[in-house]
């Protein structure tokens, strides 16, 4: 049995709450973005920071629909 298989077997013996806590703990050790080939996430984060810094509220859904003629 591999180490991973043993860990999985041991984890299955935990209660649901313990498994959830264990899973969350493991997920927290991973990078937030595993792959972002087009850098879209980075761009979105930069634009969000710019909007927050300027106080810009962006465009509402209704404004966007109106601008598209809907």
Protein backbone atom coordinates (compact mmCIF):
# COMPACT_ATOMS: atom_id res chain seq x y z
CA UNK A 1 0.00 0.00 0.00
CA UNK A 2 1.37 3.41 -0.95
CA UNK A 3 1.63 6.27 1.52
CA UNK A 4 -1.18 8.09 -0.29
CA UNK A 5 -3.45 5.04 -0.14
CA UNK A 6 -2.75 4.70 3.58
CA UNK A 7 -3.56 8.38 4.17
CA UNK A 8 -6.79 8.03 2.21
CA UNK A 9 -7.79 4.96 4.19
CA UNK A 10 -6.99 6.69 7.48
CA UNK A 11 -8.91 9.81 6.44
CA UNK A 12 -11.99 7.73 5.64
CA UNK A 13 -12.11 6.59 9.27
CA UNK A 14 -12.49 10.20 10.47
CA UNK A 15 -15.86 11.73 11.23
CA UNK A 16 -17.43 13.95 8.58
CA UNK A 17 -16.45 17.07 10.53
CA UNK A 18 -12.88 15.83 10.94
CA UNK A 19 -12.64 15.01 7.21
CA UNK A 20 -13.94 18.48 6.32
CA UNK A 21 -11.40 20.11 8.62
CA UNK A 22 -8.61 17.91 7.23
CA UNK A 23 -9.62 18.66 3.62
CA UNK A 24 -9.74 22.40 4.30
CA UNK A 25 -6.35 22.23 5.94
CA UNK A 26 -4.88 20.43 2.92
CA UNK A 27 -6.49 22.83 0.45
CA UNK A 28 -5.03 25.78 2.35
CA UNK A 29 -1.54 24.45 1.59
CA UNK A 30 -2.09 24.66 -2.18
CA UNK A 31 -1.51 27.77 -4.28
CA UNK A 32 -4.65 29.82 -4.91
CA UNK A 33 -4.33 29.42 -8.68
CA UNK A 34 -2.77 26.26 -10.01
CA UNK A 35 -2.81 27.40 -13.64
CA UNK A 36 -3.58 30.74 -15.18
CA UNK A 37 -2.16 30.51 -18.66
CA UNK A 38 -3.75 33.70 -19.98
CA UNK A 39 -3.19 35.64 -16.74
CA UNK A 40 -6.91 36.41 -16.61
CA UNK A 41 -7.11 35.98 -12.84
CA UNK A 42 -4.16 38.31 -12.29
CA UNK A 43 -5.76 40.89 -14.59
CA UNK A 44 -9.09 40.63 -12.77
CA UNK A 45 -7.38 41.09 -9.41
CA UNK A 46 -5.49 44.15 -10.70
CA UNK A 47 -8.69 45.69 -12.06
CA UNK A 48 -10.51 44.99 -8.80
CA UNK A 49 -7.72 46.72 -6.85
CA UNK A 50 -7.88 49.70 -9.23
CA UNK A 51 -11.66 49.98 -8.77
CA UNK A 52 -11.38 49.82 -4.99
CA UNK A 53 -8.60 52.42 -4.96
CA UNK A 54 -10.59 54.84 -7.15
CA UNK A 55 -13.93 54.22 -5.44
CA UNK A 56 -15.42 53.22 -8.79
CA UNK A 57 -18.49 51.05 -8.35
CA UNK A 58 -18.30 49.68 -11.87
CA UNK A 59 -21.37 49.03 -14.00
CA UNK A 60 -24.54 47.51 -12.62
CA UNK A 61 -26.22 44.62 -14.40
CA UNK A 62 -29.12 46.87 -15.39
CA UNK A 63 -26.74 49.51 -16.80
CA UNK A 64 -24.90 46.85 -18.77
CA UNK A 65 -28.15 45.47 -20.24
CA UNK A 66 -29.32 48.98 -21.11
CA UNK A 67 -26.00 49.72 -22.79
CA UNK A 68 -26.44 46.58 -24.87
CA UNK A 69 -29.92 47.69 -25.89
CA UNK A 70 -31.82 45.09 -23.90
